[in-house]
Amino acid sequence: MEYLTSERVKDLMNKAGAESRPFLFAVDYEMERVLFTEDPFNQDQILFRFGTNINYTDDSLAGSCDGEKRMKIVEPFPFEEYRKEFRIIMSGLKRGDSYLANLTVRTEIETNLNFSEIMRHSTSPFGLCVGDDFISFSPERFVKIENGVISSFPMKGTIDASLPDAESRIMEDYKESCEHNTIVDLIRNDLGIVSESVWVERFRYLDTIKTDRSEIIQVSSEIRGKLSENYQQKLGDIIFALLPAGSVSGAPKPSTVKLIASAEATKRGFYTGVAGYFDGKTLDSCVLIRYIEKDEQGKLYYRSGGGVTVNSLCNDEYQEIIEKIYLPGSYK
């Protein structure tokens, strides 16, 4: 797989947008490696799903798993290691370096499904499978650009749907409310960089996601901005001005990104990066979460994380990263 630089892909996106030519892109979290392909339906190295834009059929995917879909954690990410990283983040929060920081880990897993089969079983709104390197079956849109309007849909707040009064509990939770409010404010500021005006279209609405174990509820908001008339000539500029995604970094973004790097043991790579598809008129994109990668030794790792604020409790945050390790199911 050939990776390009951010500057090169930014220029390619601007040019393709100005000429209304379709393209597919993916940017890693550190913005060091970028995938870009024009005419994405005429290639088979990258499988993708952005809403109804899908470049594969079930029959075209290799492998079959007629039995039960299974995935297991080989060994949970050590709690002591997580607590050490959590304390680094908490120290930064108390110093005022950040108001909200997204702390992530990687957990070794085993599954009887290959990446193509996971893609087939996934019905999440977004999916990206890059060979045997990684797969993301993401429920979270990054931005959508359509008819001169840019929309962002940050997800912040997760709870097991089977818990009593789950919906009211997540909506009334003080820590989760503060975290969500911070992200909405951050996204408003981000969209203000590329928009002429910004507004919150929907605030703290609920989605239910079905997993291989149970259902979880996630809280989202929708923020919109009005773009300039020549926005299609600047699609690359717009997207890269918003990176990294606020929902998987934090606020304020520059100092929080530095804080995250000091806490996390490894680079994230394409996990929590952004991928998108432009059909010649509309650009849709997602945050690369719900993510499995294969390392050079052939081991599989599931990446997961969550937002940390001064009100966070280490045990609760650790449990959240475990709960987010699941095989995809239906999304409604």
C-alpha atoms as a PDB file:
ATOM      1  CA  MET A   1       0.000   0.000   0.000  1.00  0.00           C
ATOM      2  CA  GLU A   2       1.425   3.374  -1.018  1.00  0.00           C
ATOM      3  CA  TYR A   3       1.237   6.156   1.539  1.00  0.00           C
ATOM      4  CA  LEU A   4       1.415   9.835   0.608  1.00  0.00           C
ATOM      5  CA  THR A   5       2.122  12.987   2.599  1.00  0.00           C
ATOM      6  CA  SER A   6      -0.607  15.185   4.023  1.00  0.00           C
ATOM      7  CA  GLU A   7       0.376  18.129   1.803  1.00  0.00           C
ATOM      8  CA  ARG A   8       0.276  15.996  -1.323  1.00  0.00           C
ATOM      9  CA  VAL A   9      -3.150  14.564  -0.535  1.00  0.00           C
ATOM     10  CA  LYS A  10      -4.514  17.967   0.441  1.00  0.00           C
ATOM     11  CA  ASP A  11      -3.626  19.229  -3.034  1.00  0.00           C
ATOM     12  CA  LEU A  12      -5.090  16.138  -4.712  1.00  0.00           C
ATOM     13  CA  MET A  13      -8.366  16.551  -2.799  1.00  0.00           C
ATOM     14  CA  ASN A  14      -8.593  20.235  -3.710  1.00  0.00           C
ATOM     15  CA  LYS A  15      -8.062  19.479  -7.387  1.00  0.00           C
ATOM     16  CA  ALA A  16     -10.460  16.520  -7.518  1.00  0.00           C
ATOM     17  CA  GLY A  17     -13.100  18.508  -5.654  1.00  0.00           C
ATOM     18  CA  ALA A  18     -12.801  21.444  -8.044  1.00  0.00           C
ATOM     19  CA  GLU A  19     -13.275  19.035 -10.966  1.00  0.00           C
ATOM     20  CA  SER A  20     -16.076  17.059  -9.233  1.00  0.00           C
ATOM     21  CA  ARG A  21     -14.098  13.811  -9.513  1.00  0.00           C
ATOM     22  CA  PRO A  22     -14.731  11.061  -6.924  1.00  0.00           C
ATOM     23  CA  PHE A  23     -12.000  10.030  -4.487  1.00  0.00           C
ATOM     24  CA  LEU A  24     -11.378   8.015  -1.331  1.00  0.00           C
ATOM     25  CA  PHE A  25      -8.925   9.024   1.405  1.00  0.00           C
ATOM     26  CA  ALA A  26      -7.734   7.962   4.842  1.00  0.00           C
ATOM     27  CA  VAL A  27      -5.458   9.961   7.151  1.00  0.00           C
ATOM     28  CA  ASP A  28      -3.709   8.528  10.194  1.00  0.00           C
ATOM     29  CA  TYR A  29      -4.020  10.227  13.584  1.00  0.00           C
ATOM     30  CA  GLU A  30      -0.487  11.620  13.495  1.00  0.00           C
ATOM     31  CA  MET A  31      -1.062  12.858   9.891  1.00  0.00           C
ATOM     32  CA  GLU A  32       2.121  11.077   8.820  1.00  0.00           C
ATOM     33  CA  ARG A  33       0.580   8.547   6.411  1.00  0.00           C
ATOM     34  CA  VAL A  34      -2.292   9.189   4.033  1.00  0.00           C
ATOM     35  CA  LEU A  35      -4.082   6.903   1.577  1.00  0.00           C
ATOM     36  CA  PHE A  36      -5.671   8.438  -1.503  1.00  0.00           C
ATOM     37  CA  THR A  37      -7.274   6.886  -4.562  1.00  0.00           C
ATOM     38  CA  GLU A  38      -9.245   8.406  -7.407  1.00  0.00           C
ATOM     39  CA  ASP A  39     -12.084   6.482  -9.015  1.00  0.00           C
ATOM     40  CA  PRO A  40     -12.310   4.328  -5.851  1.00  0.00           C
ATOM     41  CA  PHE A  41     -14.913   1.919  -7.252  1.00  0.00           C
ATOM     42  CA  ASN A  42     -12.341   0.688  -9.776  1.00  0.00           C
ATOM     43  CA  GLN A  43      -9.907  -0.685  -7.173  1.00  0.00           C
ATOM     44  CA  ASP A  44     -10.122  -3.617  -4.762  1.00  0.00           C
ATOM     45  CA  GLN A  45      -7.259  -2.992  -2.334  1.00  0.00           C
ATOM     46  CA  ILE A  46      -9.476  -0.976   0.003  1.00  0.00           C
ATOM     47  CA  LEU A  47     -13.022  -2.043   0.881  1.00  0.00           C
ATOM     48  CA  PHE A  48     -15.253   0.795   2.009  1.00  0.00           C
ATOM     49  CA  ARG A  49     -18.752   1.677   3.080  1.00  0.00           C
ATOM     50  CA  PHE A  50     -19.959   5.245   3.493  1.00  0.00           C
ATOM     51  CA  GLY A  51     -23.730   5.041   3.814  1.00  0.00           C
ATOM     52  CA  THR A  52     -25.010   3.620   0.523  1.00  0.00           C
ATOM     53  CA  ASN A  53     -21.624   4.032  -1.195  1.00  0.00           C
ATOM     54  CA  ILE A  54     -20.242   0.491  -0.974  1.00  0.00           C
ATOM     55  CA  ASN A  55     -17.606  -1.013  -3.265  1.00  0.00           C
ATOM     56  CA  TYR A  56     -18.240  -4.678  -2.496  1.00  0.00           C
ATOM     57  CA  THR A  57     -21.009  -7.251  -2.209  1.00  0.00           C
ATOM     58  CA  ASP A  58     -21.266 -10.078   0.304  1.00  0.00           C
ATOM     59  CA  ASP A  59     -20.483 -12.588  -2.440  1.00  0.00           C
ATOM     60  CA  SER A  60     -17.316 -10.724  -3.440  1.00  0.00           C
ATOM     61  CA  LEU A  61     -15.706 -11.039  -0.010  1.00  0.00           C
ATOM     62  CA  ALA A  62     -13.335 -13.909   0.613  1.00  0.00           C
ATOM     63  CA  GLY A  63     -13.839 -16.460   3.378  1.00  0.00           C
ATOM     64  CA  SER A  64     -16.877 -17.800   5.110  1.00  0.00           C
ATOM     65  CA  CYS A  65     -17.855 -18.349   8.708  1.00  0.00           C
ATOM     66  CA  ASP A  66     -20.981 -20.435   8.934  1.00  0.00           C
ATOM     67  CA  GLY A  67     -20.722 -20.891  12.688  1.00  0.00           C
ATOM     68  CA  GLU A  68     -21.003 -18.400  15.502  1.00  0.00           C
ATOM     69  CA  LYS A  69     -19.030 -15.194  15.152  1.00  0.00           C
ATOM     70  CA  ARG A  70     -16.466 -15.179  17.923  1.00  0.00           C
ATOM     71  CA  MET A  71     -13.891 -12.832  19.305  1.00  0.00           C
ATOM     72  CA  LYS A  72     -12.057 -13.088  22.591  1.00  0.00           C
ATOM     73  CA  ILE A  73      -9.600 -10.958  24.468  1.00  0.00           C
ATOM     74  CA  VAL A  74      -6.276 -12.781  24.723  1.00  0.00           C
ATOM     75  CA  GLU A  75      -5.305 -10.692  27.712  1.00  0.00           C
ATOM     76  CA  PRO A  76      -6.955  -7.496  28.946  1.00  0.00           C
ATOM     77  CA  PHE A  77      -4.851  -4.359  28.823  1.00  0.00           C
ATOM     78  CA  PRO A  78      -3.200  -4.355  32.277  1.00  0.00           C
ATOM     79  CA  PHE A  79      -5.130  -2.203  34.713  1.00  0.00           C
ATOM     80  CA  GLU A  80      -1.917  -1.019  36.404  1.00  0.00           C
ATOM     81  CA  GLU A  81      -0.582   0.180  33.059  1.00  0.00           C
ATOM     82  CA  TYR A  82      -3.860   1.944  32.316  1.00  0.00           C
ATOM     83  CA  ARG A  83      -3.829   3.580  35.751  1.00  0.00           C
ATOM     84  CA  LYS A  84      -0.300   4.890  35.123  1.00  0.00           C
ATOM     85  CA  GLU A  85      -1.409   6.469  31.827  1.00  0.00           C
ATOM     86  CA  PHE A  86      -4.627   7.723  33.430  1.00  0.00           C
ATOM     87  CA  ARG A  87      -2.600   9.497  36.125  1.00  0.00           C
ATOM     88  CA  ILE A  88      -0.480  11.252  33.487  1.00  0.00           C
ATOM     89  CA  ILE A  89      -3.658  12.517  31.845  1.00  0.00           C
ATOM     90  CA  MET A  90      -5.187  13.511  35.182  1.00  0.00           C
ATOM     91  CA  SER A  91      -2.055  15.467  36.141  1.00  0.00           C
ATOM     92  CA  GLY A  92      -2.306  17.372  32.868  1.00  0.00           C
ATOM     93  CA  LEU A  93      -5.977  18.097  33.484  1.00  0.00           C
ATOM     94  CA  LYS A  94      -5.252  19.441  36.951  1.00  0.00           C
ATOM     95  CA  ARG A  95      -2.442  21.632  35.574  1.00  0.00           C
ATOM     96  CA  GLY A  96      -4.878  23.088  33.070  1.00  0.00           C
ATOM     97  CA  ASP A  97      -3.164  21.607  30.018  1.00  0.00           C
ATOM     98  CA  SER A  98      -6.498  20.113  28.974  1.00  0.00           C
ATOM     99  CA  TYR A  99     -10.175  20.082  29.904  1.00  0.00           C
ATOM    100  CA  LEU A 100     -10.835  16.768  28.184  1.00  0.00           C
ATOM    101  CA  ALA A 101      -8.382  14.183  26.859  1.00  0.00           C
ATOM    102  CA  ASN A 102      -9.147  10.965  24.988  1.00  0.00           C
ATOM    103  CA  LEU A 103      -7.015   8.124  26.392  1.00  0.00           C
ATOM    104  CA  THR A 104      -6.724   4.986  24.252  1.00  0.00           C
ATOM    105  CA  VAL A 105      -5.147   1.540  24.532  1.00  0.00           C
ATOM    106  CA  ARG A 106      -4.684  -1.540  22.378  1.00  0.00           C
ATOM    107  CA  THR A 107      -5.780  -5.009  23.487  1.00  0.00           C
ATOM    108  CA  GLU A 108      -4.674  -8.283  21.918  1.00  0.00           C
ATOM    109  CA  ILE A 109      -7.603 -10.322  20.602  1.00  0.00           C
ATOM    110  CA  GLU A 110      -8.351 -13.531  18.714  1.00  0.00           C
ATOM    111  CA  THR A 111     -11.260 -14.065  16.318  1.00  0.00           C
ATOM    112  CA  ASN A 112     -12.470 -16.787  13.962  1.00  0.00           C
ATOM    113  CA  LEU A 113     -13.302 -14.130  11.359  1.00  0.00           C
ATOM    114  CA  ASN A 114     -10.935 -12.575   8.847  1.00  0.00           C
ATOM    115  CA  PHE A 115     -11.190  -8.877   8.021  1.00  0.00           C
ATOM    116  CA  SER A 116     -13.354  -9.517   4.957  1.00  0.00           C
ATOM    117  CA  GLU A 117     -15.828 -11.495   7.058  1.00  0.00           C
ATOM    118  CA  ILE A 118     -15.943  -8.774   9.696  1.00  0.00           C
ATOM    119  CA  MET A 119     -16.670  -6.284   6.914  1.00  0.00           C
ATOM    120  CA  ARG A 120     -19.474  -8.503   5.649  1.00  0.00           C
ATOM    121  CA  HIS A 121     -21.091  -8.879   9.073  1.00  0.00           C
ATOM    122  CA  SER A 122     -20.754  -5.218   9.942  1.00  0.00           C
ATOM    123  CA  THR A 123     -23.776  -3.008   9.346  1.00  0.00           C
ATOM    124  CA  SER A 124     -22.323   0.132  10.893  1.00  0.00           C
ATOM    125  CA  PRO A 125     -22.806   3.297   8.815  1.00  0.00           C
ATOM    126  CA  PHE A 126     -19.095   3.396   7.960  1.00  0.00           C
ATOM    127  CA  GLY A 127     -16.530   0.730   7.210  1.00  0.00           C
ATOM    128  CA  LEU A 128     -12.970   0.691   5.914  1.00  0.00           C
ATOM    129  CA  CYS A 129     -10.834  -2.396   5.358  1.00  0.00           C
ATOM    130  CA  VAL A 130      -7.263  -1.898   4.120  1.00  0.00           C
ATOM    131  CA  GLY A 131      -6.051  -5.354   3.089  1.00  0.00           C
ATOM    132  CA  ASP A 132      -4.856  -7.340   6.082  1.00  0.00           C
ATOM    133  CA  ASP A 133      -3.547  -4.196   7.787  1.00  0.00           C
ATOM    134  CA  PHE A 134      -6.624  -2.883   9.577  1.00  0.00           C
ATOM    135  CA  ILE A 135     -10.384  -2.646   9.603  1.00  0.00           C
ATOM    136  CA  SER A 136     -12.705  -0.047  11.115  1.00  0.00           C
ATOM    137  CA  PHE A 137     -16.460  -0.520  11.495  1.00  0.00           C
ATOM    138  CA  SER A 138     -17.157   2.961  12.740  1.00  0.00           C
ATOM    139  CA  PRO A 139     -20.481   4.327  14.006  1.00  0.00           C
ATOM    140  CA  GLU A 140     -19.130   7.900  14.135  1.00  0.00           C
ATOM    141  CA  ARG A 141     -19.301  10.352  11.268  1.00  0.00           C
ATOM    142  CA  PHE A 142     -16.524  12.937  11.218  1.00  0.00           C
ATOM    143  CA  VAL A 143     -17.971  15.547   8.862  1.00  0.00           C
ATOM    144  CA  LYS A 144     -20.371  15.550   5.957  1.00  0.00           C
ATOM    145  CA  ILE A 145     -20.110  18.293   3.321  1.00  0.00           C
ATOM    146  CA  GLU A 146     -23.178  18.726   1.147  1.00  0.00           C
ATOM    147  CA  ASN A 147     -24.815  21.670  -0.629  1.00  0.00           C
ATOM    148  CA  GLY A 148     -22.507  24.205   0.982  1.00  0.00           C
ATOM    149  CA  VAL A 149     -23.088  22.969   4.554  1.00  0.00           C
ATOM    150  CA  ILE A 150     -20.583  21.087   6.711  1.00  0.00           C
ATOM    151  CA  SER A 151     -21.970  18.927   9.534  1.00  0.00           C
ATOM    152  CA  SER A 152     -20.128  17.179  12.369  1.00  0.00           C
ATOM    153  CA  PHE A 153     -21.531  14.513  14.702  1.00  0.00           C
ATOM    154  CA  PRO A 154     -19.256  13.958  17.726  1.00  0.00           C
ATOM    155  CA  MET A 155     -20.026  10.947  19.941  1.00  0.00           C
ATOM    156  CA  LYS A 156     -19.342  11.324  23.658  1.00  0.00           C
ATOM    157  CA  GLY A 157     -21.006   9.164  26.290  1.00  0.00           C
ATOM    158  CA  THR A 158     -21.461   5.378  26.303  1.00  0.00           C
ATOM    159  CA  ILE A 159     -23.539   3.070  28.511  1.00  0.00           C
ATOM    160  CA  ASP A 160     -24.706  -0.549  28.507  1.00  0.00           C
ATOM    161  CA  ALA A 161     -28.276  -0.428  27.200  1.00  0.00           C
ATOM    162  CA  SER A 162     -29.320  -3.326  29.459  1.00  0.00           C
ATOM    163  CA  LEU A 163     -28.749  -1.309  32.641  1.00  0.00           C
ATOM    164  CA  PRO A 164     -31.912  -0.081  34.409  1.00  0.00           C
ATOM    165  CA  ASP A 165     -32.927   3.381  33.176  1.00  0.00           C
ATOM    166  CA  ALA A 166     -29.858   3.447  30.930  1.00  0.00           C
ATOM    167  CA  GLU A 167     -31.018   6.388  28.815  1.00  0.00           C
ATOM    168  CA  SER A 168     -31.799   8.656  31.757  1.00  0.00           C
ATOM    169  CA  ARG A 169     -28.629   7.588  33.568  1.00  0.00           C
ATOM    170  CA  ILE A 170     -26.348   8.553  30.692  1.00  0.00           C
ATOM    171  CA  MET A 171     -28.200  11.815  30.051  1.00  0.00           C
ATOM    172  CA  GLU A 172     -28.117  12.825  33.731  1.00  0.00           C
ATOM    173  CA  ASP A 173     -24.527  11.772  34.430  1.00  0.00           C
ATOM    174  CA  TYR A 174     -22.586  14.914  35.397  1.00  0.00           C
ATOM    175  CA  LYS A 175     -19.198  13.735  34.137  1.00  0.00           C
ATOM    176  CA  GLU A 176     -20.624  12.572  30.803  1.00  0.00           C
ATOM    177  CA  SER A 177     -22.552  15.826  30.407  1.00  0.00           C
ATOM    178  CA  CYS A 178     -19.428  17.930  31.015  1.00  0.00           C
ATOM    179  CA  GLU A 179     -17.450  15.816  28.566  1.00  0.00           C
ATOM    180  CA  HIS A 180     -20.086  16.129  25.864  1.00  0.00           C
ATOM    181  CA  ASN A 181     -20.482  19.875  26.358  1.00  0.00           C
ATOM    182  CA  THR A 182     -16.720  20.341  26.014  1.00  0.00           C
ATOM    183  CA  ILE A 183     -16.608  18.418  22.749  1.00  0.00           C
ATOM    184  CA  VAL A 184     -19.573  20.298  21.283  1.00  0.00           C
ATOM    185  CA  ASP A 185     -17.831  23.577  22.093  1.00  0.00           C
ATOM    186  CA  LEU A 186     -14.589  22.293  20.540  1.00  0.00           C
ATOM    187  CA  ILE A 187     -16.327  21.189  17.341  1.00  0.00           C
ATOM    188  CA  ARG A 188     -18.122  24.532  17.082  1.00  0.00           C
ATOM    189  CA  ASN A 189     -14.751  26.254  17.248  1.00  0.00           C
ATOM    190  CA  ASP A 190     -13.245  23.827  14.707  1.00  0.00           C
ATOM    191  CA  LEU A 191     -16.061  24.345  12.216  1.00  0.00           C
ATOM    192  CA  GLY A 192     -15.709  28.080  12.737  1.00  0.00           C
ATOM    193  CA  ILE A 193     -12.226  27.849  11.211  1.00  0.00           C
ATOM    194  CA  VAL A 194     -13.668  26.749   7.847  1.00  0.00           C
ATOM    195  CA  SER A 195     -17.226  28.140   7.984  1.00  0.00           C
ATOM    196  CA  GLU A 196     -18.901  31.494   7.664  1.00  0.00           C
ATOM    197  CA  SER A 197     -21.422  30.689  10.409  1.00  0.00           C
ATOM    198  CA  VAL A 198     -21.887  27.778  12.840  1.00  0.00           C
ATOM    199  CA  TRP A 199     -24.851  26.433  14.812  1.00  0.00           C
ATOM    200  CA  VAL A 200     -25.882  23.359  16.860  1.00  0.00           C
ATOM    201  CA  GLU A 201     -28.591  21.521  14.949  1.00  0.00           C
ATOM    202  CA  ARG A 202     -29.177  18.722  17.487  1.00  0.00           C
ATOM    203  CA  PHE A 203     -27.815  18.471  21.028  1.00  0.00           C
ATOM    204  CA  ARG A 204     -27.232  15.189  22.912  1.00  0.00           C
ATOM    205  CA  TYR A 205     -29.358  12.679  21.039  1.00  0.00           C
ATOM    206  CA  LEU A 206     -29.121   8.907  21.561  1.00  0.00           C
ATOM    207  CA  ASP A 207     -28.136   6.061  19.231  1.00  0.00           C
ATOM    208  CA  THR A 208     -28.363   2.356  20.057  1.00  0.00           C
ATOM    209  CA  ILE A 209     -25.624   0.085  18.717  1.00  0.00           C
ATOM    210  CA  LYS A 210     -25.970  -3.694  18.651  1.00  0.00           C
ATOM    211  CA  THR A 211     -22.783  -5.663  19.323  1.00  0.00           C
ATOM    212  CA  ASP A 212     -21.960  -9.373  19.454  1.00  0.00           C
ATOM    213  CA  ARG A 213     -22.566  -9.266  23.227  1.00  0.00           C
ATOM    214  CA  SER A 214     -25.286  -6.726  23.893  1.00  0.00           C
ATOM    215  CA  GLU A 215     -26.536  -3.273  22.969  1.00  0.00           C
ATOM    216  CA  ILE A 216     -24.849  -0.037  23.975  1.00  0.00           C
ATOM    217  CA  ILE A 217     -26.221   3.501  23.931  1.00  0.00           C
ATOM    218  CA  GLN A 218     -24.093   6.385  22.709  1.00  0.00           C
ATOM    219  CA  VAL A 219     -24.739  10.122  22.971  1.00  0.00           C
ATOM    220  CA  SER A 220     -24.119  12.398  19.970  1.00  0.00           C
ATOM    221  CA  SER A 221     -24.715  15.963  18.831  1.00  0.00           C
ATOM    222  CA  GLU A 222     -24.918  17.562  15.388  1.00  0.00           C
ATOM    223  CA  ILE A 223     -23.115  20.825  14.663  1.00  0.00           C
ATOM    224  CA  ARG A 224     -23.337  22.601  11.293  1.00  0.00           C
ATOM    225  CA  GLY A 225     -21.542  25.368   9.461  1.00  0.00           C
ATOM    226  CA  LYS A 226     -22.095  27.294   6.216  1.00  0.00           C
ATOM    227  CA  LEU A 227     -19.202  27.090   3.750  1.00  0.00           C
ATOM    228  CA  SER A 228     -18.078  29.625   1.165  1.00  0.00           C
ATOM    229  CA  GLU A 229     -19.366  29.340  -2.410  1.00  0.00           C
ATOM    230  CA  ASN A 230     -16.123  27.832  -3.752  1.00  0.00           C
ATOM    231  CA  TYR A 231     -15.851  25.184  -1.024  1.00  0.00           C
ATOM    232  CA  GLN A 232     -15.413  22.251  -3.461  1.00  0.00           C
ATOM    233  CA  GLN A 233     -12.094  23.742  -4.559  1.00  0.00           C
ATOM    234  CA  LYS A 234     -10.881  23.565  -0.946  1.00  0.00           C
ATOM    235  CA  LEU A 235     -12.016  20.130   0.252  1.00  0.00           C
ATOM    236  CA  GLY A 236      -8.481  19.138   1.228  1.00  0.00           C
ATOM    237  CA  ASP A 237      -7.868  22.409   3.045  1.00  0.00           C
ATOM    238  CA  ILE A 238     -11.147  22.043   4.935  1.00  0.00           C
ATOM    239  CA  ILE A 239     -10.585  18.456   6.086  1.00  0.00           C
ATOM    240  CA  PHE A 240      -6.969  18.889   7.155  1.00  0.00           C
ATOM    241  CA  ALA A 241      -7.778  22.109   9.022  1.00  0.00           C
ATOM    242  CA  LEU A 242     -10.061  20.053  11.291  1.00  0.00           C
ATOM    243  CA  LEU A 243      -7.554  17.287  12.134  1.00  0.00           C
ATOM    244  CA  PRO A 244      -7.100  15.503  14.401  1.00  0.00           C
ATOM    245  CA  ALA A 245     -10.762  14.875  15.154  1.00  0.00           C
ATOM    246  CA  GLY A 246     -11.812  16.640  18.332  1.00  0.00           C
ATOM    247  CA  SER A 247     -13.868  13.747  19.692  1.00  0.00           C
ATOM    248  CA  VAL A 248     -10.799  11.476  19.823  1.00  0.00           C
ATOM    249  CA  SER A 249      -8.239  14.043  20.942  1.00  0.00           C
ATOM    250  CA  GLY A 250      -9.679  16.668  23.278  1.00  0.00           C
ATOM    251  CA  ALA A 251      -9.724  20.317  24.205  1.00  0.00           C
ATOM    252  CA  PRO A 252      -7.877  22.572  23.847  1.00  0.00           C
ATOM    253  CA  LYS A 253      -6.591  20.504  20.975  1.00  0.00           C
ATOM    254  CA  PRO A 254      -2.861  21.434  20.604  1.00  0.00           C
ATOM    255  CA  SER A 255      -1.895  20.973  24.273  1.00  0.00           C
ATOM    256  CA  THR A 256      -4.172  17.942  24.649  1.00  0.00           C
ATOM    257  CA  VAL A 257      -2.530  16.178  21.708  1.00  0.00           C
ATOM    258  CA  LYS A 258       0.846  16.658  23.442  1.00  0.00           C
ATOM    259  CA  LEU A 259      -0.584  15.342  26.713  1.00  0.00           C
ATOM    260  CA  ILE A 260      -1.981  12.249  24.989  1.00  0.00           C
ATOM    261  CA  ALA A 261       1.373  11.535  23.348  1.00  0.00           C
ATOM    262  CA  SER A 262       3.098  11.680  26.747  1.00  0.00           C
ATOM    263  CA  ALA A 263       0.643   9.140  28.211  1.00  0.00           C
ATOM    264  CA  GLU A 264       0.090   6.601  25.431  1.00  0.00           C
ATOM    265  CA  ALA A 265       2.853   4.076  24.869  1.00  0.00           C
ATOM    266  CA  THR A 266       2.515   3.716  21.088  1.00  0.00           C
ATOM    267  CA  LYS A 267       1.511   5.780  18.094  1.00  0.00           C
ATOM    268  CA  ARG A 268      -2.133   5.374  17.118  1.00  0.00           C
ATOM    269  CA  GLY A 269      -1.536   5.091  13.391  1.00  0.00           C
ATOM    270  CA  PHE A 270      -4.805   4.992  11.482  1.00  0.00           C
ATOM    271  CA  TYR A 271      -6.781   4.350  14.662  1.00  0.00           C
ATOM    272  CA  THR A 272      -8.711   7.557  15.472  1.00  0.00           C
ATOM    273  CA  GLY A 273      -7.648   8.945  12.114  1.00  0.00           C
ATOM    274  CA  VAL A 274     -10.222   9.960   9.509  1.00  0.00           C
ATOM    275  CA  ALA A 275     -11.408   8.403   6.246  1.00  0.00           C
ATOM    276  CA  GLY A 276     -13.826   9.758   3.651  1.00  0.00           C
ATOM    277  CA  TYR A 277     -15.454   9.342   0.258  1.00  0.00           C
ATOM    278  CA  PHE A 278     -16.353  12.089  -2.230  1.00  0.00           C
ATOM    279  CA  ASP A 279     -18.835  11.152  -4.960  1.00  0.00           C
ATOM    280  CA  GLY A 280     -18.341  14.330  -7.004  1.00  0.00           C
ATOM    281  CA  LYS A 281     -20.929  16.336  -5.056  1.00  0.00           C
ATOM    282  CA  THR A 282     -21.023  15.158  -1.437  1.00  0.00           C
ATOM    283  CA  LEU A 283     -18.133  14.316   0.868  1.00  0.00           C
ATOM    284  CA  ASP A 284     -18.868  11.955   3.750  1.00  0.00           C
ATOM    285  CA  SER A 285     -16.292  10.889   6.304  1.00  0.00           C
ATOM    286  CA  CYS A 286     -15.867   8.962   9.533  1.00  0.00           C
ATOM    287  CA  VAL A 287     -13.589   8.720  12.532  1.00  0.00           C
ATOM    288  CA  LEU A 288     -11.656   5.427  12.426  1.00  0.00           C
ATOM    289  CA  ILE A 289     -12.829   3.877  15.684  1.00  0.00           C
ATOM    290  CA  ARG A 290     -14.096   0.343  16.447  1.00  0.00           C
ATOM    291  CA  TYR A 291     -10.795  -0.690  14.989  1.00  0.00           C
ATOM    292  CA  ILE A 292      -8.760  -3.902  14.640  1.00  0.00           C
ATOM    293  CA  GLU A 293      -5.196  -4.007  13.318  1.00  0.00           C
ATOM    294  CA  LYS A 294      -2.652  -6.724  12.541  1.00  0.00           C
ATOM    295  CA  ASP A 295       0.976  -6.222  13.536  1.00  0.00           C
ATOM    296  CA  GLU A 296       4.095  -7.489  11.772  1.00  0.00           C
ATOM    297  CA  GLN A 297       4.001 -10.732  13.780  1.00  0.00           C
ATOM    298  CA  GLY A 298       0.424 -11.416  12.706  1.00  0.00           C
ATOM    299  CA  LYS A 299      -1.124 -10.610  16.088  1.00  0.00           C
ATOM    300  CA  LEU A 300      -4.474  -8.827  16.191  1.00  0.00           C
ATOM    301  CA  TYR A 301      -5.118  -5.810  18.378  1.00  0.00           C
ATOM    302  CA  TYR A 302      -8.378  -4.026  19.113  1.00  0.00           C
ATOM    303  CA  ARG A 303      -8.017  -0.318  19.841  1.00  0.00           C
ATOM    304  CA  SER A 304     -10.414   1.405  22.213  1.00  0.00           C
ATOM    305  CA  GLY A 305     -10.530   4.523  24.354  1.00  0.00           C
ATOM    306  CA  GLY A 306     -12.603   7.133  26.096  1.00  0.00           C
ATOM    307  CA  GLY A 307     -12.650  10.724  27.247  1.00  0.00           C
ATOM    308  CA  VAL A 308     -11.103  11.643  30.604  1.00  0.00           C
ATOM    309  CA  THR A 309     -12.005  14.753  32.608  1.00  0.00           C
ATOM    310  CA  VAL A 310     -11.139  15.865  36.154  1.00  0.00           C
ATOM    311  CA  ASN A 311     -14.391  14.163  37.227  1.00  0.00           C
ATOM    312  CA  SER A 312     -13.384  10.793  35.765  1.00  0.00           C
ATOM    313  CA  LEU A 313     -12.787   7.703  37.900  1.00  0.00           C
ATOM    314  CA  CYS A 314     -10.036   5.375  36.739  1.00  0.00           C
ATOM    315  CA  ASN A 315     -12.035   2.160  37.308  1.00  0.00           C
ATOM    316  CA  ASP A 316     -14.995   3.493  35.318  1.00  0.00           C
ATOM    317  CA  GLU A 317     -12.855   4.631  32.410  1.00  0.00           C
ATOM    318  CA  TYR A 318     -11.022   1.308  32.325  1.00  0.00           C
ATOM    319  CA  GLN A 319     -14.331  -0.560  32.210  1.00  0.00           C
ATOM    320  CA  GLU A 320     -15.451   1.620  29.291  1.00  0.00           C
ATOM    321  CA  ILE A 321     -12.444   0.696  27.157  1.00  0.00           C
ATOM    322  CA  ILE A 322     -13.221  -2.993  27.771  1.00  0.00           C
ATOM    323  CA  GLU A 323     -16.907  -2.569  26.909  1.00  0.00           C
ATOM    324  CA  LYS A 324     -15.973  -0.980  23.573  1.00  0.00           C
ATOM    325  CA  ILE A 325     -14.185  -4.155  22.444  1.00  0.00           C
ATOM    326  CA  TYR A 326     -16.822  -5.927  20.362  1.00  0.00           C
ATOM    327  CA  LEU A 327     -17.591  -7.405  16.991  1.00  0.00           C
ATOM    328  CA  PRO A 328     -19.981  -5.333  14.884  1.00  0.00           C
ATOM    329  CA  GLY A 329     -23.688  -5.959  14.813  1.00  0.00           C
ATOM    330  CA  SER A 330     -26.637  -3.971  13.526  1.00  0.00           C
ATOM    331  CA  TYR A 331     -26.793  -0.221  14.005  1.00  0.00           C
ATOM    332  CA  LYS A 332     -30.057   1.609  14.435  1.00  0.00           C
END
